[in-house]
Structure formats: C-alpha cells, structure tokens
Amino acid sequence: MQPSQDAYNLVKASEGLRLDAYPDPASGGAPWTIGYGHTAGVRKGDSITEDKANDLLGEDLSIAAAEVSRLVMVPLTQGQFDALCDFVFNLGAANLASSTLLRVLNKKDYSGAAVQFKFWVMAGGKAMPGLIKRRAAEKALFEKAA
C-alpha cells in the first residue's frame, strides 16, 4: 500500500511549506527543518525549491509507509493507512510501535484505535492547538469510509 493524495494533503496542510531551513521551535536549533517538515540532513542556511520540497515529501512518506506496513498486522483501508502515515511522519515509527493505538489496532479494534489519536497532542508538557487539529484530521481520515 502506498500513501494516497490524502496523505500528502494532510502533511502539507499540517506542516506548511518553508523553502529556507528553520530551527526547531522548542530548541531554537536542531533539528533544522525545510520543505514540508523534512529534517534529515538539513542544516542552517539550506534552501530548496518547491519541486525539491515535493520530492523530499515523497521520500519521507515512502519511509513512513514502509514503517506502517511493517508495524500494522491487520488489513487497513486507504484512509486508515494514510492517517497512520501522517502519524509516523509527524511522530516517528518508534512512537507508533510503542503506542496503545497500534496495540489496539492490531487486535482489529479499529474504533478503539481511532480514539487513540486524541492522546498524541502534547509538546513541552502542554496540549498544542496545531497537534490537536492534526490528530483530529488523522482521526477523520482514519474513519473515512473506504
């Protein structure tokens, strides 16, 4: 299974596009980010084109998709897969691997898994409006009719 345009749209809406590298808001430094939330190998002062940002997003979502496919042991709809790809893109495969969301999902409790998205909204010890919105969008995509 591969991410659909819905996965790309969700990442783009959540991350926004920045063509010049910017520091992590929490640390004021690493990890530096560019494009649509790309961090691998990014350094202060880097700049890219929009085409390159789209290429990097494709690479990053392919990595997220491979991790979702590796971790999830039950059948998924395209919407469920896309939502989990965004989750992994944002939070990393290790967080999905250790989550109640994955444990519940792998027991084929799809509705129970959908409820779990709302618990992943904290950063720096407080709920972040952007993460609340992103998790709600992931949940809606996860619950989208096939």
Protein backbone atom coordinates (compact mmCIF):
# COMPACT_ATOMS: atom_id res chain seq x y z
CA MET A 1 0.00 0.00 0.00
CA GLN A 2 1.21 3.50 -0.82
CA PRO A 3 0.16 6.88 0.57
CA SER A 4 -2.62 8.50 -1.46
CA GLN A 5 -3.05 12.17 -2.24
CA ASP A 6 -4.99 12.46 1.05
CA ALA A 7 -1.80 11.65 2.98
CA TYR A 8 0.17 14.24 1.01
CA ASN A 9 -2.55 16.83 1.53
CA LEU A 10 -2.65 16.20 5.28
CA VAL A 11 1.11 16.57 5.68
CA LYS A 12 1.16 19.70 3.54
CA ALA A 13 -1.72 21.28 5.48
CA SER A 14 -0.16 20.41 8.83
CA GLU A 15 3.46 21.29 8.06
CA GLY A 16 3.18 24.18 5.62
CA LEU A 17 5.92 24.89 3.08
CA ARG A 18 9.17 26.59 4.02
CA LEU A 19 11.88 26.81 1.36
CA ASP A 20 14.55 28.03 3.79
CA ALA A 21 15.74 25.93 6.71
CA TYR A 22 14.30 26.88 10.06
CA PRO A 23 15.14 25.75 13.60
CA ASP A 24 13.04 23.56 15.81
CA PRO A 25 10.68 25.91 17.68
CA ALA A 26 11.33 24.20 21.01
CA SER A 27 15.13 24.11 20.85
CA GLY A 28 15.85 27.09 18.62
CA GLY A 29 18.24 24.80 16.75
CA ALA A 30 18.40 21.14 15.83
CA PRO A 31 16.62 19.55 14.20
CA TRP A 32 16.58 22.05 11.36
CA THR A 33 13.59 21.63 9.07
CA ILE A 34 12.85 22.52 5.44
CA GLY A 35 10.14 21.96 2.85
CA TYR A 36 7.14 20.13 4.26
CA GLY A 37 8.64 19.11 7.60
CA HIS A 38 11.76 17.38 6.23
CA THR A 39 14.60 17.13 8.78
CA ALA A 40 17.14 14.54 7.55
CA GLY A 41 20.45 16.21 6.74
CA VAL A 42 19.06 19.75 6.97
CA ARG A 43 21.48 22.45 8.11
CA LYS A 44 21.14 26.09 9.00
CA GLY A 45 21.24 28.17 5.82
CA ASP A 46 19.89 25.46 3.48
CA SER A 47 17.39 26.47 0.78
CA ILE A 48 15.39 24.37 -1.67
CA THR A 49 12.83 24.76 -4.44
CA GLU A 50 9.19 23.77 -4.19
CA ASP A 51 9.89 20.85 -6.57
CA LYS A 52 12.63 19.62 -4.23
CA ALA A 53 10.26 20.01 -1.26
CA ASN A 54 7.75 17.78 -3.04
CA ASP A 55 10.47 15.22 -3.82
CA LEU A 56 11.56 15.16 -0.17
CA LEU A 57 7.96 14.76 0.96
CA GLY A 58 7.57 11.77 -1.35
CA GLU A 59 10.71 10.19 0.10
CA ASP A 60 9.62 10.88 3.68
CA LEU A 61 6.13 9.49 3.13
CA SER A 62 7.59 6.38 1.47
CA ILE A 63 9.65 5.78 4.60
CA ALA A 64 6.60 6.34 6.82
CA ALA A 65 4.55 3.96 4.64
CA ALA A 66 7.16 1.23 4.95
CA GLU A 67 7.09 1.59 8.74
CA VAL A 68 3.29 1.48 8.86
CA SER A 69 3.33 -1.65 6.69
CA ARG A 70 5.92 -3.24 8.97
CA LEU A 71 4.11 -2.46 12.22
CA VAL A 72 0.44 -2.96 11.37
CA MET A 73 -0.64 -6.59 11.26
CA VAL A 74 -4.30 -6.12 10.25
CA PRO A 75 -5.95 -5.03 7.00
CA LEU A 76 -6.29 -1.28 6.52
CA THR A 77 -8.41 0.92 4.32
CA GLN A 78 -6.59 3.58 2.31
CA GLY A 79 -7.78 6.25 4.75
CA GLN A 80 -6.52 4.30 7.75
CA PHE A 81 -3.18 3.77 6.06
CA ASP A 82 -2.89 7.46 5.10
CA ALA A 83 -3.73 8.61 8.62
CA LEU A 84 -1.08 6.32 10.08
CA CYS A 85 1.47 7.52 7.52
CA ASP A 86 0.89 11.11 8.67
CA PHE A 87 1.15 10.00 12.30
CA VAL A 88 4.51 8.30 11.64
CA PHE A 89 5.71 11.23 9.52
CA ASN A 90 5.00 13.57 12.43
CA LEU A 91 5.86 11.45 15.46
CA GLY A 92 8.14 8.70 14.16
CA ALA A 93 7.79 4.96 13.87
CA ALA A 94 9.06 4.34 17.41
CA ASN A 95 6.11 6.24 18.86
CA LEU A 96 3.65 4.25 16.78
CA ALA A 97 5.43 1.00 17.69
CA SER A 98 5.09 1.64 21.42
CA SER A 99 1.59 3.11 21.29
CA THR A 100 -1.72 1.89 22.61
CA LEU A 101 -3.07 2.96 19.23
CA LEU A 102 -1.04 0.24 17.49
CA ARG A 103 -1.72 -2.37 20.16
CA VAL A 104 -5.47 -1.80 19.91
CA LEU A 105 -5.40 -1.63 16.11
CA ASN A 106 -3.51 -4.91 15.83
CA LYS A 107 -6.35 -6.52 17.82
CA LYS A 108 -8.68 -5.40 14.98
CA ASP A 109 -10.33 -2.83 17.24
CA TYR A 110 -10.50 -0.10 14.60
CA SER A 111 -12.85 2.17 16.53
CA GLY A 112 -10.72 1.83 19.65
CA ALA A 113 -7.65 2.74 17.62
CA ALA A 114 -9.36 5.84 16.22
CA VAL A 115 -9.98 7.10 19.75
CA GLN A 116 -6.26 6.94 20.49
CA PHE A 117 -5.26 9.76 18.12
CA LYS A 118 -6.50 12.38 20.59
CA PHE A 119 -3.89 11.37 23.16
CA TRP A 120 -0.97 12.48 20.94
CA VAL A 121 -1.34 16.26 21.23
CA MET A 122 1.29 17.18 23.81
CA ALA A 123 4.57 19.00 23.27
CA GLY A 124 6.63 20.54 26.01
CA GLY A 125 4.15 19.27 28.59
CA LYS A 126 1.11 21.02 27.15
CA ALA A 127 -1.55 20.38 24.53
CA MET A 128 -0.70 22.20 21.31
CA PRO A 129 -3.50 23.60 19.12
CA GLY A 130 -1.71 22.52 15.93
CA LEU A 131 -1.36 18.95 17.19
CA ILE A 132 -4.98 18.85 18.33
CA LYS A 133 -6.04 19.89 14.82
CA ARG A 134 -3.65 17.42 13.17
CA ARG A 135 -4.76 14.45 15.29
CA ALA A 136 -8.43 15.31 14.61
CA ALA A 137 -7.67 15.33 10.87
CA GLU A 138 -5.86 11.99 11.17
CA LYS A 139 -8.80 10.51 13.07
CA ALA A 140 -11.25 11.76 10.43
CA LEU A 141 -9.14 10.26 7.65
CA PHE A 142 -8.77 7.01 9.63
CA GLU A 143 -12.57 6.79 9.95
CA LYS A 144 -13.27 7.78 6.33
CA ALA A 145 -15.46 5.27 4.52
CA ALA A 146 -13.39 3.04 2.23
